[in-house]
Amino acid sequence: MPAVSTQLNDFILPAAPRPAATMPSPLSWLSRVTNALANVRTQQAEREIARLIEHRGGRFNDSLEREIERHFI
């Protein structure tokens, strides 16, 4: 049976060419601010979930998953 050789480069697509530098639009600035706020909220939620898991003994099970869902909904 022949040996199969796969390289990481076989799965990586080349980057799309970047457009010429232009003035950033207000929408892109607003998008960056919105993304930054979303990232902060995601990090807060992840810390809170980690705290809940640690508080419940470090085991993630169905009841803990339901508790986390109720906490964030």
PDB file of N, CA and C in Angstrom:
ATOM      1  N   MET A   1       0.851  -1.174   0.000  1.00  0.00           N
ATOM      2  CA  MET A   1       0.000   0.000   0.000  1.00  0.00           C
ATOM      3  C   MET A   1       0.900   1.241   0.000  1.00  0.00           C
ATOM      4  N   PRO A   2       0.660   2.207  -0.879  1.00  0.00           N
ATOM      5  CA  PRO A   2       1.520   3.386  -0.935  1.00  0.00           C
ATOM      6  C   PRO A   2       1.303   4.282   0.282  1.00  0.00           C
ATOM      7  N   ALA A   3       2.357   4.927   0.691  1.00  0.00           N
ATOM      8  CA  ALA A   3       2.283   5.854   1.831  1.00  0.00           C
ATOM      9  C   ALA A   3       1.594   7.135   1.379  1.00  0.00           C
ATOM     10  N   VAL A   4       0.776   7.669   2.242  1.00  0.00           N
ATOM     11  CA  VAL A   4       0.071   8.909   1.947  1.00  0.00           C
ATOM     12  C   VAL A   4       0.800  10.048   2.637  1.00  0.00           C
ATOM     13  N   SER A   5       1.120  11.062   1.875  1.00  0.00           N
ATOM     14  CA  SER A   5       1.829  12.209   2.432  1.00  0.00           C
ATOM     15  C   SER A   5       0.981  13.449   2.222  1.00  0.00           C
ATOM     16  N   THR A   6       0.628  14.114   3.300  1.00  0.00           N
ATOM     17  CA  THR A   6      -0.157  15.331   3.226  1.00  0.00           C
ATOM     18  C   THR A   6       0.608  16.435   3.931  1.00  0.00           C
ATOM     19  N   GLN A   7       0.717  17.548   3.271  1.00  0.00           N
ATOM     20  CA  GLN A   7       1.392  18.688   3.865  1.00  0.00           C
ATOM     21  C   GLN A   7       0.366  19.735   4.245  1.00  0.00           C
ATOM     22  N   LEU A   8       0.720  20.531   5.232  1.00  0.00           N
ATOM     23  CA  LEU A   8      -0.173  21.581   5.688  1.00  0.00           C
ATOM     24  C   LEU A   8      -0.509  22.545   4.556  1.00  0.00           C
ATOM     25  N   ASN A   9       0.430  22.787   3.669  1.00  0.00           N
ATOM     26  CA  ASN A   9       0.200  23.725   2.570  1.00  0.00           C
ATOM     27  C   ASN A   9      -0.898  23.251   1.630  1.00  0.00           C
ATOM     28  N   ASP A  10      -1.218  21.955   1.634  1.00  0.00           N
ATOM     29  CA  ASP A  10      -2.280  21.432   0.783  1.00  0.00           C
ATOM     30  C   ASP A  10      -3.647  21.973   1.200  1.00  0.00           C
ATOM     31  N   PHE A  11      -3.791  22.426   2.446  1.00  0.00           N
ATOM     32  CA  PHE A  11      -5.078  22.861   2.957  1.00  0.00           C
ATOM     33  C   PHE A  11      -5.204  24.374   3.088  1.00  0.00           C
ATOM     34  N   ILE A  12      -4.136  25.099   2.892  1.00  0.00           N
ATOM     35  CA  ILE A  12      -4.145  26.547   3.086  1.00  0.00           C
ATOM     36  C   ILE A  12      -4.384  27.231   1.745  1.00  0.00           C
ATOM     37  N   LEU A  13      -5.413  28.069   1.711  1.00  0.00           N
ATOM     38  CA  LEU A  13      -5.709  28.832   0.500  1.00  0.00           C
ATOM     39  C   LEU A  13      -4.860  30.091   0.470  1.00  0.00           C
ATOM     40  N   PRO A  14      -4.436  30.533  -0.685  1.00  0.00           N
ATOM     41  CA  PRO A  14      -3.675  31.776  -0.753  1.00  0.00           C
ATOM     42  C   PRO A  14      -4.553  32.963  -0.362  1.00  0.00           C
ATOM     43  N   ALA A  15      -3.957  33.936   0.253  1.00  0.00           N
ATOM     44  CA  ALA A  15      -4.688  35.118   0.693  1.00  0.00           C
ATOM     45  C   ALA A  15      -5.163  35.916  -0.511  1.00  0.00           C
ATOM     46  N   ALA A  16      -6.358  36.475  -0.381  1.00  0.00           N
ATOM     47  CA  ALA A  16      -6.890  37.307  -1.454  1.00  0.00           C
ATOM     48  C   ALA A  16      -6.102  38.608  -1.501  1.00  0.00           C
ATOM     49  N   PRO A  17      -5.899  39.145  -2.682  1.00  0.00           N
ATOM     50  CA  PRO A  17      -5.168  40.414  -2.762  1.00  0.00           C
ATOM     51  C   PRO A  17      -5.934  41.521  -2.044  1.00  0.00           C
ATOM     52  N   ARG A  18      -5.194  42.357  -1.332  1.00  0.00           N
ATOM     53  CA  ARG A  18      -5.820  43.444  -0.580  1.00  0.00           C
ATOM     54  C   ARG A  18      -6.075  44.624  -1.508  1.00  0.00           C
ATOM     55  N   PRO A  19      -7.200  45.313  -1.338  1.00  0.00           N
ATOM     56  CA  PRO A  19      -7.478  46.483  -2.170  1.00  0.00           C
ATOM     57  C   PRO A  19      -6.505  47.615  -1.841  1.00  0.00           C
ATOM     58  N   ALA A  20      -6.374  48.538  -2.760  1.00  0.00           N
ATOM     59  CA  ALA A  20      -5.492  49.687  -2.546  1.00  0.00           C
ATOM     60  C   ALA A  20      -5.963  50.466  -1.326  1.00  0.00           C
ATOM     61  N   ALA A  21      -5.009  51.055  -0.622  1.00  0.00           N
ATOM     62  CA  ALA A  21      -5.325  51.813   0.590  1.00  0.00           C
ATOM     63  C   ALA A  21      -6.243  52.977   0.239  1.00  0.00           C
ATOM     64  N   THR A  22      -7.340  53.067   0.970  1.00  0.00           N
ATOM     65  CA  THR A  22      -8.290  54.161   0.788  1.00  0.00           C
ATOM     66  C   THR A  22      -8.647  54.712   2.151  1.00  0.00           C
ATOM     67  N   MET A  23      -9.359  55.792   2.153  1.00  0.00           N
ATOM     68  CA  MET A  23      -9.813  56.372   3.415  1.00  0.00           C
ATOM     69  C   MET A  23     -10.809  55.409   4.064  1.00  0.00           C
ATOM     70  N   PRO A  24     -10.636  55.130   5.349  1.00  0.00           N
ATOM     71  CA  PRO A  24     -11.595  54.249   6.002  1.00  0.00           C
ATOM     72  C   PRO A  24     -12.960  54.925   6.096  1.00  0.00           C
ATOM     73  N   SER A  25     -13.979  54.179   5.824  1.00  0.00           N
ATOM     74  CA  SER A  25     -15.326  54.741   5.880  1.00  0.00           C
ATOM     75  C   SER A  25     -15.808  54.740   7.330  1.00  0.00           C
ATOM     76  N   PRO A  26     -16.785  55.594   7.643  1.00  0.00           N
ATOM     77  CA  PRO A  26     -17.323  55.594   9.011  1.00  0.00           C
ATOM     78  C   PRO A  26     -17.925  54.240   9.378  1.00  0.00           C
ATOM     79  N   LEU A  27     -18.455  53.542   8.386  1.00  0.00           N
ATOM     80  CA  LEU A  27     -19.028  52.233   8.666  1.00  0.00           C
ATOM     81  C   LEU A  27     -17.961  51.267   9.154  1.00  0.00           C
ATOM     82  N   SER A  28     -16.778  51.309   8.552  1.00  0.00           N
ATOM     83  CA  SER A  28     -15.726  50.405   9.016  1.00  0.00           C
ATOM     84  C   SER A  28     -15.296  50.769  10.433  1.00  0.00           C
ATOM     85  N   TRP A  29     -15.261  52.048  10.752  1.00  0.00           N
ATOM     86  CA  TRP A  29     -14.937  52.464  12.116  1.00  0.00           C
ATOM     87  C   TRP A  29     -16.011  51.963  13.075  1.00  0.00           C
ATOM     88  N   LEU A  30     -17.267  52.137  12.690  1.00  0.00           N
ATOM     89  CA  LEU A  30     -18.369  51.666  13.528  1.00  0.00           C
ATOM     90  C   LEU A  30     -18.324  50.148  13.670  1.00  0.00           C
ATOM     91  N   SER A  31     -17.983  49.457  12.609  1.00  0.00           N
ATOM     92  CA  SER A  31     -17.862  48.000  12.673  1.00  0.00           C
ATOM     93  C   SER A  31     -16.766  47.581  13.641  1.00  0.00           C
ATOM     94  N   ARG A  32     -15.646  48.290  13.612  1.00  0.00           N
ATOM     95  CA  ARG A  32     -14.557  47.956  14.540  1.00  0.00           C
ATOM     96  C   ARG A  32     -14.982  48.163  15.985  1.00  0.00           C
ATOM     97  N   VAL A  33     -15.700  49.256  16.252  1.00  0.00           N
ATOM     98  CA  VAL A  33     -16.171  49.513  17.620  1.00  0.00           C
ATOM     99  C   VAL A  33     -17.161  48.430  18.048  1.00  0.00           C
ATOM    100  N   THR A  34     -18.086  48.091  17.161  1.00  0.00           N
ATOM    101  CA  THR A  34     -19.078  47.062  17.471  1.00  0.00           C
ATOM    102  C   THR A  34     -18.406  45.718  17.715  1.00  0.00           C
ATOM    103  N   ASN A  35     -17.439  45.370  16.881  1.00  0.00           N
ATOM    104  CA  ASN A  35     -16.713  44.107  17.066  1.00  0.00           C
ATOM    105  C   ASN A  35     -15.947  44.092  18.379  1.00  0.00           C
ATOM    106  N   ALA A  36     -15.343  45.223  18.731  1.00  0.00           N
ATOM    107  CA  ALA A  36     -14.603  45.298  19.994  1.00  0.00           C
ATOM    108  C   ALA A  36     -15.543  45.098  21.181  1.00  0.00           C
ATOM    109  N   LEU A  37     -16.713  45.723  21.130  1.00  0.00           N
ATOM    110  CA  LEU A  37     -17.687  45.555  22.216  1.00  0.00           C
ATOM    111  C   LEU A  37     -18.184  44.119  22.295  1.00  0.00           C
ATOM    112  N   ALA A  38     -18.420  43.500  21.141  1.00  0.00           N
ATOM    113  CA  ALA A  38     -18.862  42.104  21.126  1.00  0.00           C
ATOM    114  C   ALA A  38     -17.783  41.195  21.699  1.00  0.00           C
ATOM    115  N   ASN A  39     -16.523  41.462  21.369  1.00  0.00           N
ATOM    116  CA  ASN A  39     -15.423  40.651  21.902  1.00  0.00           C
ATOM    117  C   ASN A  39     -15.319  40.777  23.416  1.00  0.00           C
ATOM    118  N   VAL A  40     -15.497  41.986  23.925  1.00  0.00           N
ATOM    119  CA  VAL A  40     -15.445  42.192  25.383  1.00  0.00           C
ATOM    120  C   VAL A  40     -16.568  41.415  26.055  1.00  0.00           C
ATOM    121  N   ARG A  41     -17.763  41.482  25.482  1.00  0.00           N
ATOM    122  CA  ARG A  41     -18.907  40.768  26.071  1.00  0.00           C
ATOM    123  C   ARG A  41     -18.695  39.255  26.016  1.00  0.00           C
ATOM    124  N   THR A  42     -18.117  38.770  24.931  1.00  0.00           N
ATOM    125  CA  THR A  42     -17.843  37.337  24.806  1.00  0.00           C
ATOM    126  C   THR A  42     -16.837  36.894  25.861  1.00  0.00           C
ATOM    127  N   GLN A  43     -15.803  37.691  26.076  1.00  0.00           N
ATOM    128  CA  GLN A  43     -14.804  37.353  27.087  1.00  0.00           C
ATOM    129  C   GLN A  43     -15.423  37.346  28.478  1.00  0.00           C
ATOM    130  N   GLN A  44     -16.316  38.311  28.756  1.00  0.00           N
ATOM    131  CA  GLN A  44     -16.997  38.343  30.050  1.00  0.00           C
ATOM    132  C   GLN A  44     -17.836  37.087  30.242  1.00  0.00           C
ATOM    133  N   ALA A  45     -18.570  36.696  29.201  1.00  0.00           N
ATOM    134  CA  ALA A  45     -19.410  35.504  29.288  1.00  0.00           C
ATOM    135  C   ALA A  45     -18.567  34.256  29.507  1.00  0.00           C
ATOM    136  N   GLU A  46     -17.438  34.157  28.804  1.00  0.00           N
ATOM    137  CA  GLU A  46     -16.570  32.992  28.980  1.00  0.00           C
ATOM    138  C   GLU A  46     -16.002  32.919  30.387  1.00  0.00           C
ATOM    139  N   ARG A  47     -15.638  34.073  30.959  1.00  0.00           N
ATOM    140  CA  ARG A  47     -15.148  34.084  32.349  1.00  0.00           C
ATOM    141  C   ARG A  47     -16.256  33.659  33.312  1.00  0.00           C
ATOM    142  N   GLU A  48     -17.471  34.124  33.043  1.00  0.00           N
ATOM    143  CA  GLU A  48     -18.589  33.781  33.908  1.00  0.00           C
ATOM    144  C   GLU A  48     -18.906  32.286  33.830  1.00  0.00           C
ATOM    145  N   ILE A  49     -18.845  31.717  32.627  1.00  0.00           N
ATOM    146  CA  ILE A  49     -19.077  30.288  32.469  1.00  0.00           C
ATOM    147  C   ILE A  49     -17.994  29.499  33.187  1.00  0.00           C
ATOM    148  N   ALA A  50     -16.745  29.923  33.054  1.00  0.00           N
ATOM    149  CA  ALA A  50     -15.647  29.242  33.744  1.00  0.00           C
ATOM    150  C   ALA A  50     -15.856  29.300  35.257  1.00  0.00           C
ATOM    151  N   ARG A  51     -16.318  30.444  35.759  1.00  0.00           N
ATOM    152  CA  ARG A  51     -16.581  30.568  37.194  1.00  0.00           C
ATOM    153  C   ARG A  51     -17.695  29.621  37.628  1.00  0.00           C
ATOM    154  N   LEU A  52     -18.766  29.507  36.819  1.00  0.00           N
ATOM    155  CA  LEU A  52     -19.865  28.594  37.153  1.00  0.00           C
ATOM    156  C   LEU A  52     -19.392  27.140  37.161  1.00  0.00           C
ATOM    157  N   ILE A  53     -18.583  26.770  36.179  1.00  0.00           N
ATOM    158  CA  ILE A  53     -18.080  25.395  36.113  1.00  0.00           C
ATOM    159  C   ILE A  53     -17.192  25.102  37.317  1.00  0.00           C
ATOM    160  N   GLU A  54     -16.322  26.048  37.660  1.00  0.00           N
ATOM    161  CA  GLU A  54     -15.444  25.853  38.809  1.00  0.00           C
ATOM    162  C   GLU A  54     -16.251  25.769  40.102  1.00  0.00           C
ATOM    163  N   HIS A  55     -17.276  26.597  40.212  1.00  0.00           N
ATOM    164  CA  HIS A  55     -18.115  26.616  41.411  1.00  0.00           C
ATOM    165  C   HIS A  55     -18.852  25.287  41.592  1.00  0.00           C
ATOM    166  N   ARG A  56     -19.193  24.634  40.477  1.00  0.00           N
ATOM    167  CA  ARG A  56     -19.918  23.367  40.535  1.00  0.00           C
ATOM    168  C   ARG A  56     -19.002  22.152  40.540  1.00  0.00           C
ATOM    169  N   GLY A  57     -17.721  22.344  40.812  1.00  0.00           N
ATOM    170  CA  GLY A  57     -16.812  21.220  40.966  1.00  0.00           C
ATOM    171  C   GLY A  57     -15.995  20.887  39.731  1.00  0.00           C
ATOM    172  N   GLY A  58     -16.089  21.674  38.690  1.00  0.00           N
ATOM    173  CA  GLY A  58     -15.266  21.456  37.514  1.00  0.00           C
ATOM    174  C   GLY A  58     -15.767  20.406  36.555  1.00  0.00           C
ATOM    175  N   ARG A  59     -16.937  19.868  36.789  1.00  0.00           N
ATOM    176  CA  ARG A  59     -17.495  18.851  35.889  1.00  0.00           C
ATOM    177  C   ARG A  59     -18.633  19.464  35.093  1.00  0.00           C
ATOM    178  N   PHE A  60     -18.558  19.315  33.795  1.00  0.00           N
ATOM    179  CA  PHE A  60     -19.579  19.856  32.912  1.00  0.00           C
ATOM    180  C   PHE A  60     -20.553  18.733  32.567  1.00  0.00           C
ATOM    181  N   ASN A  61     -21.796  18.899  33.006  1.00  0.00           N
ATOM    182  CA  ASN A  61     -22.802  17.886  32.711  1.00  0.00           C
ATOM    183  C   ASN A  61     -24.086  18.570  32.221  1.00  0.00           C
ATOM    184  N   ASP A  62     -25.132  17.778  31.991  1.00  0.00           N
ATOM    185  CA  ASP A  62     -26.366  18.323  31.426  1.00  0.00           C
ATOM    186  C   ASP A  62     -27.005  19.376  32.316  1.00  0.00           C
ATOM    187  N   SER A  63     -27.032  19.128  33.621  1.00  0.00           N
ATOM    188  CA  SER A  63     -27.678  20.092  34.509  1.00  0.00           C
ATOM    189  C   SER A  63     -26.911  21.412  34.539  1.00  0.00           C
ATOM    190  N   LEU A  64     -25.593  21.350  34.492  1.00  0.00           N
ATOM    191  CA  LEU A  64     -24.797  22.573  34.457  1.00  0.00           C
ATOM    192  C   LEU A  64     -25.009  23.308  33.135  1.00  0.00           C
ATOM    193  N   GLU A  65     -25.113  22.558  32.054  1.00  0.00           N
ATOM    194  CA  GLU A  65     -25.371  23.186  30.763  1.00  0.00           C
ATOM    195  C   GLU A  65     -26.713  23.923  30.778  1.00  0.00           C
ATOM    196  N   ARG A  66     -27.734  23.303  31.346  1.00  0.00           N
ATOM    197  CA  ARG A  66     -29.049  23.967  31.452  1.00  0.00           C
ATOM    198  C   ARG A  66     -28.966  25.211  32.332  1.00  0.00           C
ATOM    199  N   GLU A  67     -28.216  25.118  33.427  1.00  0.00           N
ATOM    200  CA  GLU A  67     -28.050  26.279  34.315  1.00  0.00           C
ATOM    201  C   GLU A  67     -27.360  27.434  33.580  1.00  0.00           C
ATOM    202  N   ILE A  68     -26.345  27.122  32.803  1.00  0.00           N
ATOM    203  CA  ILE A  68     -25.643  28.162  32.035  1.00  0.00           C
ATOM    204  C   ILE A  68     -26.586  28.785  31.020  1.00  0.00           C
ATOM    205  N   GLU A  69     -27.380  27.960  30.338  1.00  0.00           N
ATOM    206  CA  GLU A  69     -28.339  28.488  29.365  1.00  0.00           C
ATOM    207  C   GLU A  69     -29.345  29.419  30.037  1.00  0.00           C
ATOM    208  N   ARG A  70     -29.872  29.002  31.190  1.00  0.00           N
ATOM    209  CA  ARG A  70     -30.832  29.851  31.912  1.00  0.00           C
ATOM    210  C   ARG A  70     -30.187  31.158  32.373  1.00  0.00           C
ATOM    211  N   HIS A  71     -28.916  31.081  32.728  1.00  0.00           N
ATOM    212  CA  HIS A  71     -28.200  32.252  33.227  1.00  0.00           C
ATOM    213  C   HIS A  71     -28.043  33.320  32.134  1.00  0.00           C
ATOM    214  N   PHE A  72     -27.817  32.887  30.896  1.00  0.00           N
ATOM    215  CA  PHE A  72     -27.551  33.823  29.828  1.00  0.00           C
ATOM    216  C   PHE A  72     -28.769  34.177  28.980  1.00  0.00           C
ATOM    217  N   ILE A  73     -29.872  33.530  29.200  1.00  0.00           N
ATOM    218  CA  ILE A  73     -31.076  33.854  28.416  1.00  0.00           C
ATOM    219  C   ILE A  73     -31.949  34.836  29.149  1.00  0.00           C
TER     220      ILE A  73
END
